[in-house]
Amino acid sequence: MYVLAIDTALAVCAAAVLDTAQGRMLASESAPMARGHAEALMPLIARVMAQSGKKFGDIDRLVVTTGPGSFTGLRVGIAAARGIALAAKIPIVGVSTLAVYAAPQIAIDKMVPVVAAVDARHAHVYFQVFAPGGHVLIAPRLAAVSEAARAAAAARARIVGSAAQAVADELAAAGAEPIVVDEQDAPDIAWVARMGAVVPEAGAPPKPQYLRAPDAQPQNAAQLPRR
C-alpha cells in the first residue's frame, strides 16, 4: 500500500509517501512555519510526490491530521486532502494530532502511560492520556495546564507534544518529576503515515477536532438589521 500523509495542524507544513510493503518512506518533507500553510502545502505535496516517483493514481490511501491544532492549519490540510482524495478517487482517513504524538512513545515502551499535550494558549492545553499499550485513559480535552500536570502525575506518564515542557514545568513546581519529556513543535510526519495505514477507514473520518470554539467571533453588532 502507498500512503500519502499530510499534516498542517500545528507549526509545520509536512507531507510524506509511505510504502507499507517495503516498510519505508519513499519521500517526506517537513517545513517549520507558524502561518502560510495554504500557500506552501500544494507545492510541498508536489515535491514529495515527485521525489517518491509516484503519481496520485498510485496512492492507495490518503491520511491527514485532524487536530487539535491551529484552526486555520486544520482547515487548510483537511480541505487539500479531501480535494486530492475526491479528484484522484483515493480513500481518505484522519488521525488525531495527540495520538500521533503518543504513537512513537508507545512503540518504544508499551508498559508506560503517555500524556500528549498541545499548546492551546492562555495557560491551557489540549491533552489526552494513554494507558500502557495505547488504550485511551482520558479522552482528548481542553484544560488548564495544571489539570494536564495532575493527570500526568497520577499516571506517572511520559509527556510529549508541543506543550510537554509547560506541563513538565507545572509538575516540577508541584515537586513531581515526569519520566520523559519530549517536546516537538509537531508530530513526526512518518508516524502520521504509519497510523494512517492501519486505522480502520470507517472509524477515522477526516473531520477537524477543534475541542474549542474559535477565538474569532462574528461581529453581530455590525450586521444590518433584517427586514
C-alpha atoms as a PDB file:
ATOM      1  CA  MET A   1       0.000   0.000   0.000  1.00  0.00           C
ATOM      2  CA  TYR A   2       1.162   3.506  -0.838  1.00  0.00           C
ATOM      3  CA  VAL A   3       0.059   6.110   1.718  1.00  0.00           C
ATOM      4  CA  LEU A   4       0.186   9.876   1.230  1.00  0.00           C
ATOM      5  CA  ALA A   5       0.274  11.722   4.580  1.00  0.00           C
ATOM      6  CA  ILE A   6      -0.444  15.422   5.124  1.00  0.00           C
ATOM      7  CA  ASP A   7      -0.005  17.491   8.292  1.00  0.00           C
ATOM      8  CA  THR A   8      -0.713  21.203   8.728  1.00  0.00           C
ATOM      9  CA  ALA A   9      -2.281  21.047  12.193  1.00  0.00           C
ATOM     10  CA  LEU A  10       0.496  22.836  14.086  1.00  0.00           C
ATOM     11  CA  ALA A  11       3.725  24.714  13.360  1.00  0.00           C
ATOM     12  CA  VAL A  12       4.843  22.732  10.317  1.00  0.00           C
ATOM     13  CA  CYS A  13       3.678  22.011   6.798  1.00  0.00           C
ATOM     14  CA  ALA A  14       4.505  18.397   6.026  1.00  0.00           C
ATOM     15  CA  ALA A  15       3.802  15.556   3.628  1.00  0.00           C
ATOM     16  CA  ALA A  16       5.184  12.073   3.071  1.00  0.00           C
ATOM     17  CA  VAL A  17       4.671   8.947   0.984  1.00  0.00           C
ATOM     18  CA  LEU A  18       4.946   5.577   2.751  1.00  0.00           C
ATOM     19  CA  ASP A  19       5.377   2.202   1.059  1.00  0.00           C
ATOM     20  CA  THR A  20       3.925  -0.264   3.564  1.00  0.00           C
ATOM     21  CA  ALA A  21       5.041  -3.311   1.575  1.00  0.00           C
ATOM     22  CA  GLN A  22       8.686  -2.327   1.953  1.00  0.00           C
ATOM     23  CA  GLY A  23       8.148  -0.630   5.306  1.00  0.00           C
ATOM     24  CA  ARG A  24       9.927   2.557   4.279  1.00  0.00           C
ATOM     25  CA  MET A  25       9.275   6.183   3.482  1.00  0.00           C
ATOM     26  CA  LEU A  26       9.659   6.911  -0.231  1.00  0.00           C
ATOM     27  CA  ALA A  27       9.734  10.668   0.347  1.00  0.00           C
ATOM     28  CA  SER A  28       8.974  13.228   3.020  1.00  0.00           C
ATOM     29  CA  GLU A  29       9.308  16.938   3.670  1.00  0.00           C
ATOM     30  CA  SER A  30       8.537  18.987   6.746  1.00  0.00           C
ATOM     31  CA  ALA A  31       8.831  22.783   6.727  1.00  0.00           C
ATOM     32  CA  PRO A  32       8.524  24.712  10.014  1.00  0.00           C
ATOM     33  CA  MET A  33       6.007  27.543   9.756  1.00  0.00           C
ATOM     34  CA  ALA A  34       3.637  29.359  12.085  1.00  0.00           C
ATOM     35  CA  ARG A  35       1.411  30.521   9.213  1.00  0.00           C
ATOM     36  CA  GLY A  36       1.293  30.371   5.423  1.00  0.00           C
ATOM     37  CA  HIS A  37       0.273  26.716   5.160  1.00  0.00           C
ATOM     38  CA  ALA A  38      -2.266  27.488   2.427  1.00  0.00           C
ATOM     39  CA  GLU A  39       0.405  28.846   0.095  1.00  0.00           C
ATOM     40  CA  ALA A  40       3.048  26.238   0.939  1.00  0.00           C
ATOM     41  CA  LEU A  41       1.102  22.979   1.065  1.00  0.00           C
ATOM     42  CA  MET A  42       0.335  22.117  -2.564  1.00  0.00           C
ATOM     43  CA  PRO A  43       3.858  22.891  -3.861  1.00  0.00           C
ATOM     44  CA  LEU A  44       5.256  20.838  -0.971  1.00  0.00           C
ATOM     45  CA  ILE A  45       2.986  17.892  -1.824  1.00  0.00           C
ATOM     46  CA  ALA A  46       4.030  18.155  -5.470  1.00  0.00           C
ATOM     47  CA  ARG A  47       7.710  17.958  -4.476  1.00  0.00           C
ATOM     48  CA  VAL A  48       7.114  14.944  -2.243  1.00  0.00           C
ATOM     49  CA  MET A  49       5.150  13.116  -4.933  1.00  0.00           C
ATOM     50  CA  ALA A  50       7.885  13.809  -7.489  1.00  0.00           C
ATOM     51  CA  GLN A  51      10.572  12.592  -5.087  1.00  0.00           C
ATOM     52  CA  SER A  52       8.595   9.416  -4.344  1.00  0.00           C
ATOM     53  CA  GLY A  53       8.310   8.586  -8.022  1.00  0.00           C
ATOM     54  CA  LYS A  54       4.576   8.001  -7.608  1.00  0.00           C
ATOM     55  CA  LYS A  55       1.513   9.628  -9.128  1.00  0.00           C
ATOM     56  CA  PHE A  56      -1.735  10.325  -7.300  1.00  0.00           C
ATOM     57  CA  GLY A  57      -3.243   7.370  -9.151  1.00  0.00           C
ATOM     58  CA  ASP A  58      -0.701   5.099  -7.434  1.00  0.00           C
ATOM     59  CA  ILE A  59      -1.734   6.174  -3.936  1.00  0.00           C
ATOM     60  CA  ASP A  60      -3.931   3.651  -2.094  1.00  0.00           C
ATOM     61  CA  ARG A  61      -4.809   5.779   0.917  1.00  0.00           C
ATOM     62  CA  LEU A  62      -4.536   9.396   1.999  1.00  0.00           C
ATOM     63  CA  VAL A  63      -4.223  10.420   5.666  1.00  0.00           C
ATOM     64  CA  VAL A  64      -4.447  13.878   7.220  1.00  0.00           C
ATOM     65  CA  THR A  65      -4.099  15.122  10.795  1.00  0.00           C
ATOM     66  CA  THR A  66      -7.430  16.274  12.225  1.00  0.00           C
ATOM     67  CA  GLY A  67      -6.289  18.142  15.309  1.00  0.00           C
ATOM     68  CA  PRO A  68      -6.455  19.508  17.814  1.00  0.00           C
ATOM     69  CA  GLY A  69      -4.334  22.330  16.487  1.00  0.00           C
ATOM     70  CA  SER A  70      -4.495  25.593  14.606  1.00  0.00           C
ATOM     71  CA  PHE A  71      -7.989  26.298  13.279  1.00  0.00           C
ATOM     72  CA  THR A  72      -6.605  27.681  10.014  1.00  0.00           C
ATOM     73  CA  GLY A  73      -3.975  24.968   9.642  1.00  0.00           C
ATOM     74  CA  LEU A  74      -6.516  22.206  10.141  1.00  0.00           C
ATOM     75  CA  ARG A  75      -8.875  23.666   7.567  1.00  0.00           C
ATOM     76  CA  VAL A  76      -6.057  24.011   5.023  1.00  0.00           C
ATOM     77  CA  GLY A  77      -4.806  20.447   5.421  1.00  0.00           C
ATOM     78  CA  ILE A  78      -8.182  18.761   5.542  1.00  0.00           C
ATOM     79  CA  ALA A  79      -9.546  20.737   2.591  1.00  0.00           C
ATOM     80  CA  ALA A  80      -6.487  19.892   0.484  1.00  0.00           C
ATOM     81  CA  ALA A  81      -6.639  16.221   1.457  1.00  0.00           C
ATOM     82  CA  ARG A  82     -10.338  15.983   0.653  1.00  0.00           C
ATOM     83  CA  GLY A  83      -9.802  17.693  -2.690  1.00  0.00           C
ATOM     84  CA  ILE A  84      -6.987  15.340  -3.695  1.00  0.00           C
ATOM     85  CA  ALA A  85      -8.932  12.304  -2.495  1.00  0.00           C
ATOM     86  CA  LEU A  86     -12.015  13.325  -4.442  1.00  0.00           C
ATOM     87  CA  ALA A  87     -10.147  14.139  -7.650  1.00  0.00           C
ATOM     88  CA  ALA A  88      -7.974  11.001  -7.574  1.00  0.00           C
ATOM     89  CA  LYS A  89     -10.658   8.740  -6.063  1.00  0.00           C
ATOM     90  CA  ILE A  90      -8.434   7.808  -3.118  1.00  0.00           C
ATOM     91  CA  PRO A  91      -9.804   6.566   0.240  1.00  0.00           C
ATOM     92  CA  ILE A  92      -9.073   9.112   2.968  1.00  0.00           C
ATOM     93  CA  VAL A  93      -8.731   8.843   6.762  1.00  0.00           C
ATOM     94  CA  GLY A  94      -7.982  11.252   9.575  1.00  0.00           C
ATOM     95  CA  VAL A  95      -5.733  10.767  12.601  1.00  0.00           C
ATOM     96  CA  SER A  96      -5.582  12.736  15.848  1.00  0.00           C
ATOM     97  CA  THR A  97      -2.601  15.000  16.415  1.00  0.00           C
ATOM     98  CA  LEU A  98      -2.421  13.817  20.031  1.00  0.00           C
ATOM     99  CA  ALA A  99      -2.480  10.143  19.038  1.00  0.00           C
ATOM    100  CA  VAL A 100       0.334  10.673  16.532  1.00  0.00           C
ATOM    101  CA  TYR A 101       2.427  12.419  19.193  1.00  0.00           C
ATOM    102  CA  ALA A 102       1.932   9.460  21.514  1.00  0.00           C
ATOM    103  CA  ALA A 103       2.475   6.673  18.964  1.00  0.00           C
ATOM    104  CA  PRO A 104       6.299   6.573  18.871  1.00  0.00           C
ATOM    105  CA  GLN A 105       6.494   6.666  22.669  1.00  0.00           C
ATOM    106  CA  ILE A 106       4.060   3.764  22.927  1.00  0.00           C
ATOM    107  CA  ALA A 107       6.094   1.876  20.323  1.00  0.00           C
ATOM    108  CA  ILE A 108       9.251   2.369  22.412  1.00  0.00           C
ATOM    109  CA  ASP A 109       7.705   1.080  25.652  1.00  0.00           C
ATOM    110  CA  LYS A 110       4.200  -0.364  25.847  1.00  0.00           C
ATOM    111  CA  MET A 111       4.378  -0.519  29.652  1.00  0.00           C
ATOM    112  CA  VAL A 112       4.452   3.241  30.320  1.00  0.00           C
ATOM    113  CA  PRO A 113       1.481   5.654  30.082  1.00  0.00           C
ATOM    114  CA  VAL A 114       1.777   8.698  27.837  1.00  0.00           C
ATOM    115  CA  VAL A 115       0.322  12.196  28.101  1.00  0.00           C
ATOM    116  CA  ALA A 116       0.209  14.090  24.803  1.00  0.00           C
ATOM    117  CA  ALA A 117      -0.248  17.846  25.166  1.00  0.00           C
ATOM    118  CA  VAL A 118      -0.614  20.635  22.595  1.00  0.00           C
ATOM    119  CA  ASP A 119      -0.396  24.325  23.425  1.00  0.00           C
ATOM    120  CA  ALA A 120      -3.851  25.937  23.375  1.00  0.00           C
ATOM    121  CA  ARG A 121      -2.606  29.326  24.665  1.00  0.00           C
ATOM    122  CA  HIS A 122      -3.868  31.290  27.667  1.00  0.00           C
ATOM    123  CA  ALA A 123      -2.351  28.735  30.114  1.00  0.00           C
ATOM    124  CA  HIS A 124      -4.416  25.932  28.570  1.00  0.00           C
ATOM    125  CA  VAL A 125      -3.548  22.794  26.623  1.00  0.00           C
ATOM    126  CA  TYR A 126      -5.284  20.180  24.548  1.00  0.00           C
ATOM    127  CA  PHE A 127      -4.313  16.894  26.125  1.00  0.00           C
ATOM    128  CA  GLN A 128      -5.025  13.181  26.152  1.00  0.00           C
ATOM    129  CA  VAL A 129      -3.804  10.387  28.414  1.00  0.00           C
ATOM    130  CA  PHE A 130      -2.935   6.967  27.018  1.00  0.00           C
ATOM    131  CA  ALA A 131      -2.672   3.936  29.287  1.00  0.00           C
ATOM    132  CA  PRO A 132       0.100   1.359  28.754  1.00  0.00           C
ATOM    133  CA  GLY A 133      -0.311  -0.207  25.341  1.00  0.00           C
ATOM    134  CA  GLY A 134      -2.018   2.851  23.894  1.00  0.00           C
ATOM    135  CA  HIS A 135      -5.528   2.452  25.309  1.00  0.00           C
ATOM    136  CA  VAL A 136      -7.264   5.778  25.978  1.00  0.00           C
ATOM    137  CA  LEU A 137      -7.314   6.633  29.678  1.00  0.00           C
ATOM    138  CA  ILE A 138      -8.527  10.245  29.355  1.00  0.00           C
ATOM    139  CA  ALA A 139     -10.181  11.366  26.120  1.00  0.00           C
ATOM    140  CA  PRO A 140      -8.947  14.483  24.276  1.00  0.00           C
ATOM    141  CA  ARG A 141      -9.948  17.672  26.056  1.00  0.00           C
ATOM    142  CA  LEU A 142      -9.149  21.336  26.541  1.00  0.00           C
ATOM    143  CA  ALA A 143      -7.977  22.090  30.075  1.00  0.00           C
ATOM    144  CA  ALA A 144      -5.689  24.222  32.182  1.00  0.00           C
ATOM    145  CA  VAL A 145      -2.024  23.227  32.188  1.00  0.00           C
ATOM    146  CA  SER A 146      -2.386  22.372  35.866  1.00  0.00           C
ATOM    147  CA  GLU A 147      -5.057  19.758  35.092  1.00  0.00           C
ATOM    148  CA  ALA A 148      -2.844  18.104  32.491  1.00  0.00           C
ATOM    149  CA  ALA A 149       0.024  18.080  35.001  1.00  0.00           C
ATOM    150  CA  ARG A 150      -2.155  16.415  37.635  1.00  0.00           C
ATOM    151  CA  ALA A 151      -3.185  13.768  35.112  1.00  0.00           C
ATOM    152  CA  ALA A 152       0.456  13.141  34.183  1.00  0.00           C
ATOM    153  CA  ALA A 153       1.440  12.859  37.844  1.00  0.00           C
ATOM    154  CA  ALA A 154      -1.409  10.463  38.619  1.00  0.00           C
ATOM    155  CA  ALA A 155      -0.490   8.206  35.712  1.00  0.00           C
ATOM    156  CA  ARG A 156       3.301   8.613  36.132  1.00  0.00           C
ATOM    157  CA  ALA A 157       3.349   9.211  32.421  1.00  0.00           C
ATOM    158  CA  ARG A 158       5.767  10.312  29.771  1.00  0.00           C
ATOM    159  CA  ILE A 159       4.855  13.748  28.460  1.00  0.00           C
ATOM    160  CA  VAL A 160       5.040  14.544  24.752  1.00  0.00           C
ATOM    161  CA  GLY A 161       3.833  17.267  22.402  1.00  0.00           C
ATOM    162  CA  SER A 162       4.262  20.972  21.776  1.00  0.00           C
ATOM    163  CA  ALA A 163       3.182  21.770  25.356  1.00  0.00           C
ATOM    164  CA  ALA A 164       5.187  18.988  27.006  1.00  0.00           C
ATOM    165  CA  GLN A 165       7.626  21.354  28.702  1.00  0.00           C
ATOM    166  CA  ALA A 166       4.833  23.556  30.055  1.00  0.00           C
ATOM    167  CA  VAL A 167       3.208  20.510  31.648  1.00  0.00           C
ATOM    168  CA  ALA A 168       6.577  19.315  32.974  1.00  0.00           C
ATOM    169  CA  ASP A 169       7.296  22.738  34.481  1.00  0.00           C
ATOM    170  CA  GLU A 170       3.933  22.601  36.264  1.00  0.00           C
ATOM    171  CA  LEU A 171       4.846  19.171  37.607  1.00  0.00           C
ATOM    172  CA  ALA A 172       8.222  20.387  38.777  1.00  0.00           C
ATOM    173  CA  ALA A 173       6.612  23.317  40.587  1.00  0.00           C
ATOM    174  CA  ALA A 174       4.497  20.779  42.470  1.00  0.00           C
ATOM    175  CA  GLY A 175       7.553  18.715  43.385  1.00  0.00           C
ATOM    176  CA  ALA A 176       6.924  15.835  40.978  1.00  0.00           C
ATOM    177  CA  GLU A 177       9.123  14.661  38.108  1.00  0.00           C
ATOM    178  CA  PRO A 178       7.931  13.258  34.753  1.00  0.00           C
ATOM    179  CA  ILE A 179       9.515  10.084  33.394  1.00  0.00           C
ATOM    180  CA  VAL A 180      10.328  11.519  29.976  1.00  0.00           C
ATOM    181  CA  VAL A 181       9.643  14.872  28.338  1.00  0.00           C
ATOM    182  CA  ASP A 182       9.731  15.036  24.538  1.00  0.00           C
ATOM    183  CA  GLU A 183       8.707  18.451  23.228  1.00  0.00           C
ATOM    184  CA  GLN A 184       8.270  18.810  19.462  1.00  0.00           C
ATOM    185  CA  ASP A 185       6.543  21.578  17.519  1.00  0.00           C
ATOM    186  CA  ALA A 186       4.629  18.969  15.502  1.00  0.00           C
ATOM    187  CA  PRO A 187       4.346  15.186  15.335  1.00  0.00           C
ATOM    188  CA  ASP A 188       6.612  13.212  13.006  1.00  0.00           C
ATOM    189  CA  ILE A 189       5.026  13.016   9.533  1.00  0.00           C
ATOM    190  CA  ALA A 190       6.332   9.446   9.227  1.00  0.00           C
ATOM    191  CA  TRP A 191       4.113   8.446  12.145  1.00  0.00           C
ATOM    192  CA  VAL A 192       1.152  10.218  10.560  1.00  0.00           C
ATOM    193  CA  ALA A 193       1.671   7.968   7.547  1.00  0.00           C
ATOM    194  CA  ARG A 194       2.130   4.806   9.630  1.00  0.00           C
ATOM    195  CA  MET A 195      -1.000   5.437  11.673  1.00  0.00           C
ATOM    196  CA  GLY A 196      -2.956   6.295   8.538  1.00  0.00           C
ATOM    197  CA  ALA A 197      -2.006   2.949   7.050  1.00  0.00           C
ATOM    198  CA  VAL A 198      -3.507   0.938   9.904  1.00  0.00           C
ATOM    199  CA  VAL A 199      -6.558   2.847  11.197  1.00  0.00           C
ATOM    200  CA  PRO A 200      -9.922   1.426  10.072  1.00  0.00           C
ATOM    201  CA  GLU A 201     -11.263   3.549   7.238  1.00  0.00           C
ATOM    202  CA  ALA A 202     -14.831   3.536   8.573  1.00  0.00           C
ATOM    203  CA  GLY A 203     -13.826   4.737  12.024  1.00  0.00           C
ATOM    204  CA  ALA A 204     -11.439   7.553  11.098  1.00  0.00           C
ATOM    205  CA  PRO A 205     -13.246  10.297   9.164  1.00  0.00           C
ATOM    206  CA  PRO A 206     -11.183  13.318   8.049  1.00  0.00           C
ATOM    207  CA  LYS A 207     -13.110  15.763  10.217  1.00  0.00           C
ATOM    208  CA  PRO A 208     -11.477  18.543  12.275  1.00  0.00           C
ATOM    209  CA  GLN A 209     -11.183  18.009  16.016  1.00  0.00           C
ATOM    210  CA  TYR A 210     -11.172  21.565  17.346  1.00  0.00           C
ATOM    211  CA  LEU A 211     -12.062  20.926  21.044  1.00  0.00           C
ATOM    212  CA  ARG A 212     -12.829  24.626  21.499  1.00  0.00           C
ATOM    213  CA  ALA A 213     -14.776  27.467  19.898  1.00  0.00           C
ATOM    214  CA  PRO A 214     -12.779  29.778  17.591  1.00  0.00           C
ATOM    215  CA  ASP A 215     -11.260  32.917  19.104  1.00  0.00           C
ATOM    216  CA  ALA A 216     -12.626  34.995  16.233  1.00  0.00           C
ATOM    217  CA  GLN A 217     -16.352  35.620  16.597  1.00  0.00           C
ATOM    218  CA  PRO A 218     -18.826  37.247  14.182  1.00  0.00           C
ATOM    219  CA  GLN A 219     -19.384  40.942  14.828  1.00  0.00           C
ATOM    220  CA  ASN A 220     -23.124  40.706  15.286  1.00  0.00           C
ATOM    221  CA  ALA A 221     -23.389  44.343  16.311  1.00  0.00           C
ATOM    222  CA  ALA A 222     -22.148  45.403  12.872  1.00  0.00           C
ATOM    223  CA  GLN A 223     -24.741  43.397  10.964  1.00  0.00           C
ATOM    224  CA  LEU A 224     -27.503  45.198   9.139  1.00  0.00           C
ATOM    225  CA  PRO A 225     -30.974  44.577  10.603  1.00  0.00           C
ATOM    226  CA  ARG A 226     -33.131  42.085   8.740  1.00  0.00           C
ATOM    227  CA  ARG A 227     -36.378  43.365   7.224  1.00  0.00           C
END
